[in-house]
C-alpha atoms as a PDB file:
ATOM      1  CA  MET A   1      -8.164 -16.757  26.877  1.00  0.00           C
ATOM      2  CA  SER A   2      -7.059 -12.976  27.639  1.00  0.00           C
ATOM      3  CA  SER A   3      -6.985 -10.831  25.173  1.00  0.00           C
ATOM      4  CA  PRO A   4      -4.678  -8.875  23.504  1.00  0.00           C
ATOM      5  CA  LYS A   5      -2.726  -6.338  24.667  1.00  0.00           C
ATOM      6  CA  ARG A   6      -2.803  -3.028  23.125  1.00  0.00           C
ATOM      7  CA  ILE A   7       0.639  -1.420  22.054  1.00  0.00           C
ATOM      8  CA  GLY A   8       1.605   1.721  20.586  1.00  0.00           C
ATOM      9  CA  THR A   9      -1.385   4.176  18.958  1.00  0.00           C
ATOM     10  CA  GLU A  10      -5.234   2.686  17.829  1.00  0.00           C
ATOM     11  CA  PHE A  11      -6.647   2.715  13.979  1.00  0.00           C
ATOM     12  CA  ASP A  12      -8.641   5.666  13.263  1.00  0.00           C
ATOM     13  CA  PHE A  13     -10.179   4.390  10.841  1.00  0.00           C
ATOM     14  CA  ASP A  14     -13.026   6.922  10.485  1.00  0.00           C
ATOM     15  CA  ASN A  15     -10.718   9.584   9.408  1.00  0.00           C
ATOM     16  CA  LEU A  16      -9.087   6.969   6.247  1.00  0.00           C
ATOM     17  CA  GLY A  17     -10.258   8.989   3.644  1.00  0.00           C
ATOM     18  CA  ASN A  18      -9.692  11.734   5.036  1.00  0.00           C
ATOM     19  CA  ASN A  19      -5.878  10.263   5.170  1.00  0.00           C
ATOM     20  CA  LEU A  20      -5.796   9.991   2.231  1.00  0.00           C
ATOM     21  CA  LYS A  21      -6.948  13.291   0.730  1.00  0.00           C
ATOM     22  CA  LYS A  22      -4.223  14.841   2.910  1.00  0.00           C
ATOM     23  CA  ILE A  23      -1.426  12.990   0.894  1.00  0.00           C
ATOM     24  CA  ARG A  24      -2.814  13.566  -2.235  1.00  0.00           C
ATOM     25  CA  LYS A  25      -2.916  17.269  -1.700  1.00  0.00           C
ATOM     26  CA  GLY A  26       0.138  16.782   0.132  1.00  0.00           C
ATOM     27  CA  LEU A  27       2.101  15.928  -3.197  1.00  0.00           C
ATOM     28  CA  ARG A  28      -0.202  18.188  -4.773  1.00  0.00           C
ATOM     29  CA  LYS A  29      -1.819  15.689  -7.309  1.00  0.00           C
ATOM     30  CA  THR A  30      -5.651  15.842  -8.503  1.00  0.00           C
ATOM     31  CA  GLN A  31      -8.059  13.207  -8.231  1.00  0.00           C
ATOM     32  CA  SER A  32      -7.673  12.678 -11.800  1.00  0.00           C
ATOM     33  CA  GLU A  33      -3.991  11.889 -11.774  1.00  0.00           C
ATOM     34  CA  VAL A  34      -4.562   9.390  -8.789  1.00  0.00           C
ATOM     35  CA  ALA A  35      -7.602   7.785 -10.389  1.00  0.00           C
ATOM     36  CA  GLU A  36      -5.401   7.772 -14.224  1.00  0.00           C
ATOM     37  CA  GLU A  37      -2.590   6.125 -11.949  1.00  0.00           C
ATOM     38  CA  LEU A  38      -4.649   3.905 -10.259  1.00  0.00           C
ATOM     39  CA  GLY A  39      -6.776   2.636 -13.382  1.00  0.00           C
ATOM     40  CA  VAL A  40     -10.305   4.242 -12.009  1.00  0.00           C
ATOM     41  CA  THR A  41     -12.448   7.028 -12.336  1.00  0.00           C
ATOM     42  CA  PRO A  42     -11.942   9.791 -10.013  1.00  0.00           C
ATOM     43  CA  GLY A  43     -15.336   9.732  -8.711  1.00  0.00           C
ATOM     44  CA  TYR A  44     -14.004   6.717  -7.260  1.00  0.00           C
ATOM     45  CA  ILE A  45     -11.161   8.156  -5.335  1.00  0.00           C
ATOM     46  CA  SER A  46     -13.330  10.714  -4.340  1.00  0.00           C
ATOM     47  CA  ASN A  47     -15.936   8.235  -2.870  1.00  0.00           C
ATOM     48  CA  VAL A  48     -12.656   6.769  -0.695  1.00  0.00           C
ATOM     49  CA  GLU A  49     -11.366   9.975   0.010  1.00  0.00           C
ATOM     50  CA  ASN A  50     -14.204  11.213   1.980  1.00  0.00           C
ATOM     51  CA  SER A  51     -15.455   7.717   3.169  1.00  0.00           C
ATOM     52  CA  ASN A  52     -18.256   7.023   0.931  1.00  0.00           C
ATOM     53  CA  THR A  53     -16.623   3.717  -0.197  1.00  0.00           C
ATOM     54  CA  ALA A  54     -14.934   0.943   0.772  1.00  0.00           C
ATOM     55  CA  VAL A  55     -10.931   1.036  -0.076  1.00  0.00           C
ATOM     56  CA  SER A  56      -8.799  -1.588  -1.700  1.00  0.00           C
ATOM     57  CA  PHE A  57      -5.503  -3.087  -0.564  1.00  0.00           C
ATOM     58  CA  ARG A  58      -4.270  -2.277  -3.413  1.00  0.00           C
ATOM     59  CA  VAL A  59      -5.537   1.575  -3.049  1.00  0.00           C
ATOM     60  CA  ILE A  60      -4.562   2.082   0.265  1.00  0.00           C
ATOM     61  CA  SER A  61      -0.928   0.440  -0.963  1.00  0.00           C
ATOM     62  CA  TYR A  62      -0.455   3.329  -3.742  1.00  0.00           C
ATOM     63  CA  TYR A  63      -1.116   6.253  -1.364  1.00  0.00           C
ATOM     64  CA  CYS A  64       1.162   4.948   1.313  1.00  0.00           C
ATOM     65  CA  LYS A  65       4.113   4.662  -1.637  1.00  0.00           C
ATOM     66  CA  ILE A  66       3.191   7.902  -2.875  1.00  0.00           C
ATOM     67  CA  GLY A  67       2.993   9.523   0.547  1.00  0.00           C
ATOM     68  CA  LYS A  68       5.985   7.823   1.683  1.00  0.00           C
ATOM     69  CA  ILE A  69       4.228   6.475   4.588  1.00  0.00           C
ATOM     70  CA  THR A  70       3.844   2.596   6.508  1.00  0.00           C
ATOM     71  CA  MET A  71       0.657   1.620   6.440  1.00  0.00           C
ATOM     72  CA  ASP A  72       0.526   1.944  10.054  1.00  0.00           C
ATOM     73  CA  ASP A  73       0.837   5.553   9.677  1.00  0.00           C
ATOM     74  CA  LEU A  74      -2.177   5.993   7.348  1.00  0.00           C
ATOM     75  CA  VAL A  75      -4.264   4.184   9.488  1.00  0.00           C
ATOM     76  CA  CYS A  76      -3.359   5.605  13.106  1.00  0.00           C
ATOM     77  CA  GLY A  77      -3.323   9.169  11.208  1.00  0.00           C
ATOM     78  CA  ASN A  78       0.241   9.738  11.040  1.00  0.00           C
ATOM     79  CA  VAL A  79       0.169  11.312   7.261  1.00  0.00           C
ATOM     80  CA  ASP A  80       1.280  15.514   8.204  1.00  0.00           C
ATOM     81  CA  ARG A  81       5.427  14.473   7.545  1.00  0.00           C
ATOM     82  CA  ASP A  82       5.177  17.661   5.472  1.00  0.00           C
ATOM     83  CA  GLU A  83       5.185  19.363   9.124  1.00  0.00           C
ATOM     84  CA  LEU A  84       8.647  17.001  10.415  1.00  0.00           C
ATOM     85  CA  PRO A  85      11.562  19.573   9.616  1.00  0.00           C
ATOM     86  CA  LEU A  86      13.369  18.926   6.480  1.00  0.00           C
ATOM     87  CA  ILE A  87      15.920  16.693   8.424  1.00  0.00           C
ATOM     88  CA  ASP A  88      13.506  14.668  10.237  1.00  0.00           C
ATOM     89  CA  GLN A  89      11.793  13.682   6.785  1.00  0.00           C
ATOM     90  CA  LYS A  90      15.433  12.927   4.968  1.00  0.00           C
ATOM     91  CA  ILE A  91      16.051  10.883   8.023  1.00  0.00           C
ATOM     92  CA  LEU A  92      12.829   8.583   7.766  1.00  0.00           C
ATOM     93  CA  ALA A  93      13.023   8.569   4.419  1.00  0.00           C
ATOM     94  CA  SER A  94      16.057   6.790   4.256  1.00  0.00           C
ATOM     95  CA  ALA A  95      15.126   4.533   7.698  1.00  0.00           C
ATOM     96  CA  GLU A  96      12.546   3.638   5.168  1.00  0.00           C
ATOM     97  CA  LYS A  97      15.328   1.268   2.794  1.00  0.00           C
ATOM     98  CA  MET A  98      17.240  -0.205   5.324  1.00  0.00           C
ATOM     99  CA  PRO A  99      16.567  -3.431   6.749  1.00  0.00           C
ATOM    100  CA  VAL A 100      15.210  -4.137   9.973  1.00  0.00           C
ATOM    101  CA  GLU A 101      18.410  -5.428  11.630  1.00  0.00           C
ATOM    102  CA  SER A 102      20.048  -2.101  10.228  1.00  0.00           C
ATOM    103  CA  LYS A 103      17.730   0.047  11.779  1.00  0.00           C
ATOM    104  CA  GLU A 104      17.707  -1.194  15.362  1.00  0.00           C
ATOM    105  CA  ARG A 105      21.477  -1.103  14.800  1.00  0.00           C
ATOM    106  CA  MET A 106      21.520   2.815  13.679  1.00  0.00           C
ATOM    107  CA  LEU A 107      18.474   2.925  17.287  1.00  0.00           C
ATOM    108  CA  SER A 108      21.090   1.387  19.422  1.00  0.00           C
ATOM    109  CA  ILE A 109      24.284   3.839  18.369  1.00  0.00           C
ATOM    110  CA  ILE A 110      21.823   6.898  18.444  1.00  0.00           C
ATOM    111  CA  LYS A 111      20.939   6.214  22.480  1.00  0.00           C
ATOM    112  CA  THR A 112      24.152   5.289  22.587  1.00  0.00           C
ATOM    113  CA  TRP A 113      25.565   7.987  20.980  1.00  0.00           C
ATOM    114  CA  PHE A 114      22.954  10.612  22.819  1.00  0.00           C
ATOM    115  CA  ARG A 115      22.706   8.759  26.135  1.00  0.00           C
ATOM    116  CA  LEU A 116      18.735   8.971  25.261  1.00  0.00           C
ATOM    117  CA  GLU A 117      16.443   6.458  27.290  1.00  0.00           C
ATOM    118  CA  ASP A 118      13.648   4.231  25.855  1.00  0.00           C
END
């Protein structure tokens, strides 16, 4: 049996807690605010963000939702959306709401319109 091919960026689990912290701080939320919204203690959030404890899927989902990023972006370390120009952020936010088929059509149109290659 052959091993699966690696596609895209590798997961960055070592920095998961730090990535969660970046999301929270980027939104100017305190650990207490996040903890209250999740129904956990601020100490738990601190431990998660400092990689001192395991993080649940529910907590990861919450951070992805508030950060408007995918789980792939989170575990691969692509959490610094504020560094993108505002127009790029708006395009990404719009694309996130689209079904996959619409995204594929839009990508095809963009590539054709601007004569872009993969």
